[in-house]
Amino acid sequence: MNLDNITALLSVVATKHEIDQKRDWSAGSSTYFEALKNEIEEVGEELNADRKCYLEDELGDVFWDYLNLLYNLDAEGKISLPKVFERALGKYQERIDTISNGGTWASVKQKQKLKLASELKASKIST
């Protein structure tokens, strides 16, 4: 896998966001959330069609809409895009480490849910 492609794609997403700001077709994150749902349906159709190139294309569309959703949510102040990637890496690295050391996915998942609940509670207290 060439990670440079992901970096380049993020750059294209940033450019697309700039273009969207100058036009009225997009309603921000809600536009990409709806598009993402539609693309996932199209992936489902391609999974059963045995057409590899179409499946890869549709998965690319899912990734595109997901990245645009994240970028727009960040621009709207609803998330921190870097934090989403940081959280995903930490979450799944902890799960893999746990199961690699004999623990269970369910146990670490429960631990992580409690940690998130604690984080939410702390953030509400500090505001």
C-alpha atoms as a PDB file:
ATOM      1  CA  MET A   1       0.000   0.000   0.000  1.00  0.00           C
ATOM      2  CA  ASN A   2       1.265   3.423  -0.904  1.00  0.00           C
ATOM      3  CA  LEU A   3       0.496   5.787   1.983  1.00  0.00           C
ATOM      4  CA  ASP A   4       1.407   8.722  -0.247  1.00  0.00           C
ATOM      5  CA  ASN A   5      -1.891   8.074  -2.030  1.00  0.00           C
ATOM      6  CA  ILE A   6      -3.785   8.696   1.204  1.00  0.00           C
ATOM      7  CA  THR A   7      -1.880  11.931   1.802  1.00  0.00           C
ATOM      8  CA  ALA A   8      -2.587  13.025  -1.772  1.00  0.00           C
ATOM      9  CA  LEU A   9      -6.263  12.131  -1.404  1.00  0.00           C
ATOM     10  CA  LEU A  10      -6.502  14.219   1.773  1.00  0.00           C
ATOM     11  CA  SER A  11      -5.066  17.123  -0.190  1.00  0.00           C
ATOM     12  CA  VAL A  12      -7.724  16.665  -2.874  1.00  0.00           C
ATOM     13  CA  VAL A  13     -10.391  16.578  -0.141  1.00  0.00           C
ATOM     14  CA  ALA A  14      -9.069  19.900   1.207  1.00  0.00           C
ATOM     15  CA  THR A  15      -9.239  21.401  -2.266  1.00  0.00           C
ATOM     16  CA  LYS A  16     -12.781  20.061  -2.716  1.00  0.00           C
ATOM     17  CA  HIS A  17     -13.769  21.675   0.582  1.00  0.00           C
ATOM     18  CA  GLU A  18     -12.461  25.034  -0.632  1.00  0.00           C
ATOM     19  CA  ILE A  19     -14.462  24.667  -3.842  1.00  0.00           C
ATOM     20  CA  ASP A  20     -17.593  23.712  -1.886  1.00  0.00           C
ATOM     21  CA  GLN A  21     -17.309  26.915   0.140  1.00  0.00           C
ATOM     22  CA  LYS A  22     -17.702  28.944  -3.045  1.00  0.00           C
ATOM     23  CA  ARG A  23     -20.727  27.021  -4.320  1.00  0.00           C
ATOM     24  CA  ASP A  24     -24.129  26.262  -2.887  1.00  0.00           C
ATOM     25  CA  TRP A  25     -24.603  22.603  -3.804  1.00  0.00           C
ATOM     26  CA  SER A  26     -23.185  21.231  -0.539  1.00  0.00           C
ATOM     27  CA  ALA A  27     -24.788  21.467   2.892  1.00  0.00           C
ATOM     28  CA  GLY A  28     -21.527  20.477   4.575  1.00  0.00           C
ATOM     29  CA  SER A  29     -21.277  17.316   6.621  1.00  0.00           C
ATOM     30  CA  SER A  30     -24.905  16.317   6.080  1.00  0.00           C
ATOM     31  CA  THR A  31     -24.282  16.153   2.325  1.00  0.00           C
ATOM     32  CA  TYR A  32     -21.422  13.724   2.780  1.00  0.00           C
ATOM     33  CA  PHE A  33     -23.199  11.704   5.458  1.00  0.00           C
ATOM     34  CA  GLU A  34     -26.053  11.005   3.046  1.00  0.00           C
ATOM     35  CA  ALA A  35     -23.622  10.292   0.205  1.00  0.00           C
ATOM     36  CA  LEU A  36     -21.708   7.869   2.426  1.00  0.00           C
ATOM     37  CA  LYS A  37     -24.871   5.910   3.193  1.00  0.00           C
ATOM     38  CA  ASN A  38     -25.677   5.698  -0.509  1.00  0.00           C
ATOM     39  CA  GLU A  39     -22.171   4.544  -1.413  1.00  0.00           C
ATOM     40  CA  ILE A  40     -22.273   1.805   1.231  1.00  0.00           C
ATOM     41  CA  GLU A  41     -25.448   0.508  -0.428  1.00  0.00           C
ATOM     42  CA  GLU A  42     -23.628   0.472  -3.760  1.00  0.00           C
ATOM     43  CA  VAL A  43     -20.763  -1.490  -2.186  1.00  0.00           C
ATOM     44  CA  GLY A  44     -23.322  -4.039  -1.001  1.00  0.00           C
ATOM     45  CA  GLU A  45     -24.594  -4.420  -4.537  1.00  0.00           C
ATOM     46  CA  GLU A  46     -21.078  -4.884  -5.901  1.00  0.00           C
ATOM     47  CA  LEU A  47     -20.142  -7.466  -3.261  1.00  0.00           C
ATOM     48  CA  ASN A  48     -22.589  -9.845  -4.895  1.00  0.00           C
ATOM     49  CA  ALA A  49     -21.828  -8.903  -8.501  1.00  0.00           C
ATOM     50  CA  ASP A  50     -18.311 -10.359  -8.768  1.00  0.00           C
ATOM     51  CA  ARG A  51     -17.000  -7.238 -10.522  1.00  0.00           C
ATOM     52  CA  LYS A  52     -13.736  -6.429  -8.793  1.00  0.00           C
ATOM     53  CA  CYS A  53     -13.064  -3.130 -10.569  1.00  0.00           C
ATOM     54  CA  TYR A  54     -16.546  -1.820  -9.738  1.00  0.00           C
ATOM     55  CA  LEU A  55     -16.231  -2.924  -6.117  1.00  0.00           C
ATOM     56  CA  GLU A  56     -12.873  -1.176  -5.808  1.00  0.00           C
ATOM     57  CA  ASP A  57     -14.373   1.938  -7.380  1.00  0.00           C
ATOM     58  CA  GLU A  58     -17.332   1.950  -4.980  1.00  0.00           C
ATOM     59  CA  LEU A  59     -15.041   1.395  -1.987  1.00  0.00           C
ATOM     60  CA  GLY A  60     -13.054   4.391  -3.195  1.00  0.00           C
ATOM     61  CA  ASP A  61     -16.293   6.384  -3.206  1.00  0.00           C
ATOM     62  CA  VAL A  62     -16.992   5.309   0.398  1.00  0.00           C
ATOM     63  CA  PHE A  63     -13.500   6.417   1.411  1.00  0.00           C
ATOM     64  CA  TRP A  64     -13.894   9.725  -0.467  1.00  0.00           C
ATOM     65  CA  ASP A  65     -17.234  10.514   1.169  1.00  0.00           C
ATOM     66  CA  TYR A  66     -15.933   9.441   4.584  1.00  0.00           C
ATOM     67  CA  LEU A  67     -12.924  11.741   4.298  1.00  0.00           C
ATOM     68  CA  ASN A  68     -15.139  14.597   3.105  1.00  0.00           C
ATOM     69  CA  LEU A  69     -17.514  13.946   6.002  1.00  0.00           C
ATOM     70  CA  LEU A  70     -14.621  14.132   8.454  1.00  0.00           C
ATOM     71  CA  TYR A  71     -13.213  17.264   6.835  1.00  0.00           C
ATOM     72  CA  ASN A  72     -16.592  19.010   6.952  1.00  0.00           C
ATOM     73  CA  LEU A  73     -17.298  17.959  10.544  1.00  0.00           C
ATOM     74  CA  ASP A  74     -13.902  19.391  11.477  1.00  0.00           C
ATOM     75  CA  ALA A  75     -14.629  22.641   9.632  1.00  0.00           C
ATOM     76  CA  GLU A  76     -17.995  22.851  11.419  1.00  0.00           C
ATOM     77  CA  GLY A  77     -16.232  22.482  14.779  1.00  0.00           C
ATOM     78  CA  LYS A  78     -17.984  19.204  15.588  1.00  0.00           C
ATOM     79  CA  ILE A  79     -14.816  17.083  15.676  1.00  0.00           C
ATOM     80  CA  SER A  80     -11.055  17.336  15.471  1.00  0.00           C
ATOM     81  CA  LEU A  81      -9.945  15.458  12.361  1.00  0.00           C
ATOM     82  CA  PRO A  82      -6.504  14.617  13.771  1.00  0.00           C
ATOM     83  CA  LYS A  83      -8.179  13.408  16.971  1.00  0.00           C
ATOM     84  CA  VAL A  84     -10.385  10.983  14.998  1.00  0.00           C
ATOM     85  CA  PHE A  85      -7.284   9.323  13.538  1.00  0.00           C
ATOM     86  CA  GLU A  86      -5.528   9.416  16.907  1.00  0.00           C
ATOM     87  CA  ARG A  87      -8.508   7.828  18.652  1.00  0.00           C
ATOM     88  CA  ALA A  88      -8.879   5.122  15.996  1.00  0.00           C
ATOM     89  CA  LEU A  89      -5.228   4.176  16.203  1.00  0.00           C
ATOM     90  CA  GLY A  90      -5.234   4.093  20.011  1.00  0.00           C
ATOM     91  CA  LYS A  91      -8.495   2.187  20.203  1.00  0.00           C
ATOM     92  CA  TYR A  92      -7.618  -0.569  17.793  1.00  0.00           C
ATOM     93  CA  GLN A  93      -3.992  -0.834  18.848  1.00  0.00           C
ATOM     94  CA  GLU A  94      -5.174  -1.406  22.410  1.00  0.00           C
ATOM     95  CA  ARG A  95      -7.650  -4.043  21.223  1.00  0.00           C
ATOM     96  CA  ILE A  96      -5.041  -5.870  19.153  1.00  0.00           C
ATOM     97  CA  ASP A  97      -2.532  -5.713  22.011  1.00  0.00           C
ATOM     98  CA  THR A  98      -5.152  -7.101  24.391  1.00  0.00           C
ATOM     99  CA  ILE A  99      -6.149 -10.059  22.237  1.00  0.00           C
ATOM    100  CA  SER A 100      -2.492 -10.720  21.375  1.00  0.00           C
ATOM    101  CA  ASN A 101      -1.837 -11.066  25.108  1.00  0.00           C
ATOM    102  CA  GLY A 102      -4.727 -13.449  25.758  1.00  0.00           C
ATOM    103  CA  GLY A 103      -7.427 -10.910  26.579  1.00  0.00           C
ATOM    104  CA  THR A 104     -10.738 -10.621  24.814  1.00  0.00           C
ATOM    105  CA  TRP A 105     -12.061  -8.084  22.360  1.00  0.00           C
ATOM    106  CA  ALA A 106     -15.209  -7.756  24.477  1.00  0.00           C
ATOM    107  CA  SER A 107     -13.302  -6.998  27.688  1.00  0.00           C
ATOM    108  CA  VAL A 108     -11.150  -4.272  26.176  1.00  0.00           C
ATOM    109  CA  LYS A 109     -14.162  -2.855  24.355  1.00  0.00           C
ATOM    110  CA  GLN A 110     -16.034  -2.566  27.669  1.00  0.00           C
ATOM    111  CA  LYS A 111     -13.011  -0.906  29.277  1.00  0.00           C
ATOM    112  CA  GLN A 112     -12.868   1.587  26.407  1.00  0.00           C
ATOM    113  CA  LYS A 113     -16.579   2.378  26.718  1.00  0.00           C
ATOM    114  CA  LEU A 114     -16.077   3.208  30.402  1.00  0.00           C
ATOM    115  CA  LYS A 115     -13.090   5.406  29.534  1.00  0.00           C
ATOM    116  CA  LEU A 116     -15.170   7.329  26.960  1.00  0.00           C
ATOM    117  CA  ALA A 117     -18.013   7.782  29.454  1.00  0.00           C
ATOM    118  CA  SER A 118     -15.525   9.144  31.965  1.00  0.00           C
ATOM    119  CA  GLU A 119     -14.067  11.499  29.356  1.00  0.00           C
ATOM    120  CA  LEU A 120     -17.539  12.785  28.476  1.00  0.00           C
ATOM    121  CA  LYS A 121     -18.423  13.313  32.126  1.00  0.00           C
ATOM    122  CA  ALA A 122     -15.166  15.209  32.744  1.00  0.00           C
ATOM    123  CA  SER A 123     -15.752  17.413  29.704  1.00  0.00           C
ATOM    124  CA  LYS A 124     -19.249  18.342  30.926  1.00  0.00           C
ATOM    125  CA  ILE A 125     -17.917  19.241  34.357  1.00  0.00           C
ATOM    126  CA  SER A 126     -15.214  21.492  32.919  1.00  0.00           C
ATOM    127  CA  THR A 127     -17.670  23.446  30.725  1.00  0.00           C
END
